[in-house]
Amino acid sequence: MDGELNHFDATGDAVMVDVSKKILTERVAVASGKIFISEEVYHAIESGTAQKGDVLGVARIAGIMAAKKTSAIIPLCHPLPLNHCSLNFEMLSDESAVKAVATVKTTWTTGVEMEALHAVSVALLTIYDMCKAIDKRMTLGEIHLEQKSGGKSGEFIF
């Protein structure tokens, strides 16, 4: 990992990185994050009694859709053909939180870290949206890349 910033040209203008000469490799990224919630929101999600319906089911679909549309939101991301995207949730009673974990895979010339991070972020925002009528004091946090593999920079584990 060389730390070189390659989203800028010689004059300092932002550019999309040219990946046309890179070889196709399998790339995987896993990202996670949490939403910290009140006991009332926790119970509504866990029991399936939130007014808007299946909170985690809708958040899962929203996160997958977000991964597929990352390049439409993050300006210099390449549109990628995704081979796989999953979103899983863990109810953390000791923290009064929900943890979201996204796994994204592609066989392409650039990685899927942004897609995994975008999936987690949108899934957590969806939980907020679906539960804000119960309590607006939810906090999103700890969104980060857990691991990635493939490509020139190889393996990364947080």
Protein backbone atom coordinates (compact mmCIF):
# COMPACT_ATOMS: atom_id res chain seq x y z
CA MET A 1 0.00 0.00 0.00
CA ASP A 2 1.66 3.18 -1.18
CA GLY A 3 -0.82 5.76 0.13
CA GLU A 4 -0.73 7.65 -3.16
CA LEU A 5 -3.77 9.84 -3.85
CA ASN A 6 -4.75 9.08 -7.42
CA HIS A 7 -8.07 10.89 -7.69
CA PHE A 8 -6.27 14.08 -8.79
CA ASP A 9 -4.47 14.91 -12.03
CA ALA A 10 -1.19 16.84 -12.37
CA THR A 11 -3.02 20.17 -12.03
CA GLY A 12 -4.94 19.12 -8.91
CA ASP A 13 -8.29 18.55 -10.61
CA ALA A 14 -10.44 15.65 -9.39
CA VAL A 15 -10.54 12.75 -11.85
CA MET A 16 -11.95 9.25 -12.03
CA VAL A 17 -9.04 6.81 -11.79
CA ASP A 18 -8.25 5.01 -15.06
CA VAL A 19 -8.61 1.28 -14.32
CA SER A 20 -8.67 0.17 -17.97
CA LYS A 21 -5.24 -1.49 -17.80
CA LYS A 22 -5.88 -3.35 -14.55
CA ILE A 23 -6.71 -7.05 -14.64
CA LEU A 24 -10.00 -8.54 -13.48
CA THR A 25 -9.68 -10.11 -10.04
CA GLU A 26 -12.15 -11.27 -7.44
CA ARG A 27 -12.64 -8.54 -4.87
CA VAL A 28 -14.54 -8.74 -1.60
CA ALA A 29 -15.26 -6.08 1.00
CA VAL A 30 -16.99 -6.33 4.37
CA ALA A 31 -18.15 -3.20 6.20
CA SER A 32 -20.11 -2.70 9.39
CA GLY A 33 -21.72 -0.04 11.51
CA LYS A 34 -24.20 0.41 14.31
CA ILE A 35 -27.27 2.40 15.18
CA PHE A 36 -27.70 3.09 18.87
CA ILE A 37 -31.37 3.14 19.88
CA SER A 38 -33.69 3.42 22.85
CA GLU A 39 -35.17 0.38 24.58
CA GLU A 40 -38.53 1.22 22.99
CA VAL A 41 -37.07 1.22 19.47
CA TYR A 42 -35.07 -1.94 20.23
CA HIS A 43 -38.25 -3.73 21.35
CA ALA A 44 -40.22 -2.52 18.29
CA ILE A 45 -37.55 -3.83 15.91
CA GLU A 46 -37.08 -7.09 17.77
CA SER A 47 -40.79 -7.82 18.11
CA GLY A 48 -41.72 -6.60 14.63
CA THR A 49 -44.19 -4.02 15.94
CA ALA A 50 -42.77 -0.87 14.30
CA GLN A 51 -45.55 1.06 12.56
CA LYS A 52 -43.82 1.00 9.17
CA GLY A 53 -43.38 -2.79 9.18
CA ASP A 54 -40.39 -5.13 8.95
CA VAL A 55 -37.59 -2.71 9.83
CA LEU A 56 -34.64 -5.02 9.20
CA GLY A 57 -36.16 -6.52 6.05
CA VAL A 58 -36.66 -3.09 4.50
CA ALA A 59 -33.20 -1.95 5.69
CA ARG A 60 -31.65 -5.05 4.06
CA ILE A 61 -33.24 -4.25 0.69
CA ALA A 62 -32.30 -0.55 0.99
CA GLY A 63 -28.68 -1.46 1.73
CA ILE A 64 -28.45 -3.84 -1.23
CA MET A 65 -29.98 -1.21 -3.50
CA ALA A 66 -27.48 1.34 -2.18
CA ALA A 67 -24.53 -0.93 -2.97
CA LYS A 68 -25.79 -1.26 -6.55
CA LYS A 69 -26.12 2.53 -6.91
CA THR A 70 -22.92 3.68 -5.17
CA SER A 71 -21.41 5.24 -8.31
CA ALA A 72 -24.53 7.41 -8.70
CA ILE A 73 -23.94 8.94 -5.24
CA ILE A 74 -20.17 8.95 -4.69
CA PRO A 75 -18.80 11.14 -7.52
CA LEU A 76 -15.57 9.34 -8.46
CA CYS A 77 -16.66 5.74 -7.90
CA HIS A 78 -16.75 3.47 -10.93
CA PRO A 79 -20.01 1.69 -11.76
CA LEU A 80 -19.32 -1.96 -10.93
CA PRO A 81 -20.99 -5.24 -11.80
CA LEU A 82 -21.69 -6.76 -8.39
CA ASN A 83 -21.62 -10.55 -8.11
CA HIS A 84 -23.00 -10.57 -4.58
CA CYS A 85 -24.27 -8.27 -1.86
CA SER A 86 -25.61 -9.34 1.51
CA LEU A 87 -26.70 -7.34 4.52
CA ASN A 88 -27.01 -8.98 7.92
CA PHE A 89 -28.07 -7.54 11.23
CA GLU A 90 -27.27 -8.34 14.83
CA MET A 91 -29.39 -7.10 17.72
CA LEU A 92 -27.02 -5.99 20.50
CA SER A 93 -29.08 -5.84 23.69
CA ASP A 94 -26.10 -4.92 25.90
CA GLU A 95 -25.47 -1.80 23.76
CA SER A 96 -29.10 -1.15 22.81
CA ALA A 97 -27.96 -1.15 19.21
CA VAL A 98 -28.33 -2.85 15.87
CA LYS A 99 -25.18 -3.81 14.01
CA ALA A 100 -25.31 -3.99 10.22
CA VAL A 101 -22.73 -5.98 8.25
CA ALA A 102 -22.50 -5.79 4.46
CA THR A 103 -20.51 -8.16 2.26
CA VAL A 104 -20.02 -7.17 -1.36
CA LYS A 105 -18.23 -9.13 -4.11
CA THR A 106 -17.21 -8.45 -7.69
CA THR A 107 -14.79 -9.73 -10.29
CA TRP A 108 -13.56 -6.46 -11.72
CA THR A 109 -10.67 -4.02 -12.03
CA THR A 110 -11.42 -2.03 -8.88
CA GLY A 111 -12.62 -2.83 -5.37
CA VAL A 112 -15.99 -2.76 -3.65
CA GLU A 113 -15.11 -1.03 -0.37
CA MET A 114 -17.30 1.98 -1.11
CA GLU A 115 -20.21 -0.26 -2.07
CA ALA A 116 -20.00 -2.11 1.25
CA LEU A 117 -19.70 1.13 3.25
CA HIS A 118 -22.58 2.69 1.31
CA ALA A 119 -24.76 -0.39 1.91
CA VAL A 120 -24.18 -0.21 5.68
CA SER A 121 -24.78 3.55 5.83
CA VAL A 122 -28.07 3.39 3.93
CA ALA A 123 -29.27 0.35 5.88
CA LEU A 124 -28.68 2.21 9.16
CA LEU A 125 -30.36 5.36 7.80
CA THR A 126 -33.34 3.22 6.80
CA ILE A 127 -33.63 1.89 10.35
CA TYR A 128 -33.61 5.50 11.54
CA ASP A 129 -36.30 6.46 9.03
CA MET A 130 -38.54 3.53 9.96
CA CYS A 131 -38.25 4.14 13.71
CA LYS A 132 -38.07 7.94 14.02
CA ALA A 133 -41.76 8.14 14.94
CA ILE A 134 -40.91 6.16 18.09
CA ASP A 135 -37.78 8.10 19.04
CA LYS A 136 -35.61 10.52 17.07
CA ARG A 137 -32.62 10.21 19.45
CA MET A 138 -30.91 7.44 17.52
CA THR A 139 -27.19 7.70 16.73
CA LEU A 140 -25.35 6.11 13.82
CA GLY A 141 -21.71 5.24 14.35
CA GLU A 142 -18.72 2.98 14.01
CA ILE A 143 -19.19 2.68 10.24
CA HIS A 144 -15.97 1.21 8.90
CA LEU A 145 -14.35 -1.25 6.53
CA GLU A 146 -13.78 -4.53 8.39
CA GLN A 147 -11.86 -6.30 5.67
CA LYS A 148 -11.18 -6.45 1.96
CA SER A 149 -9.38 -8.74 -0.41
CA GLY A 150 -8.24 -8.69 -4.01
CA GLY A 151 -6.54 -6.15 -6.20
CA LYS A 152 -3.12 -4.53 -6.05
CA SER A 153 -3.29 -3.59 -2.37
CA GLY A 154 -4.22 -7.15 -1.36
CA GLU A 155 -5.66 -8.08 2.01
CA PHE A 156 -6.84 -5.59 4.61
CA ILE A 157 -8.24 -6.46 8.03
CA PHE A 158 -9.29 -3.71 10.43
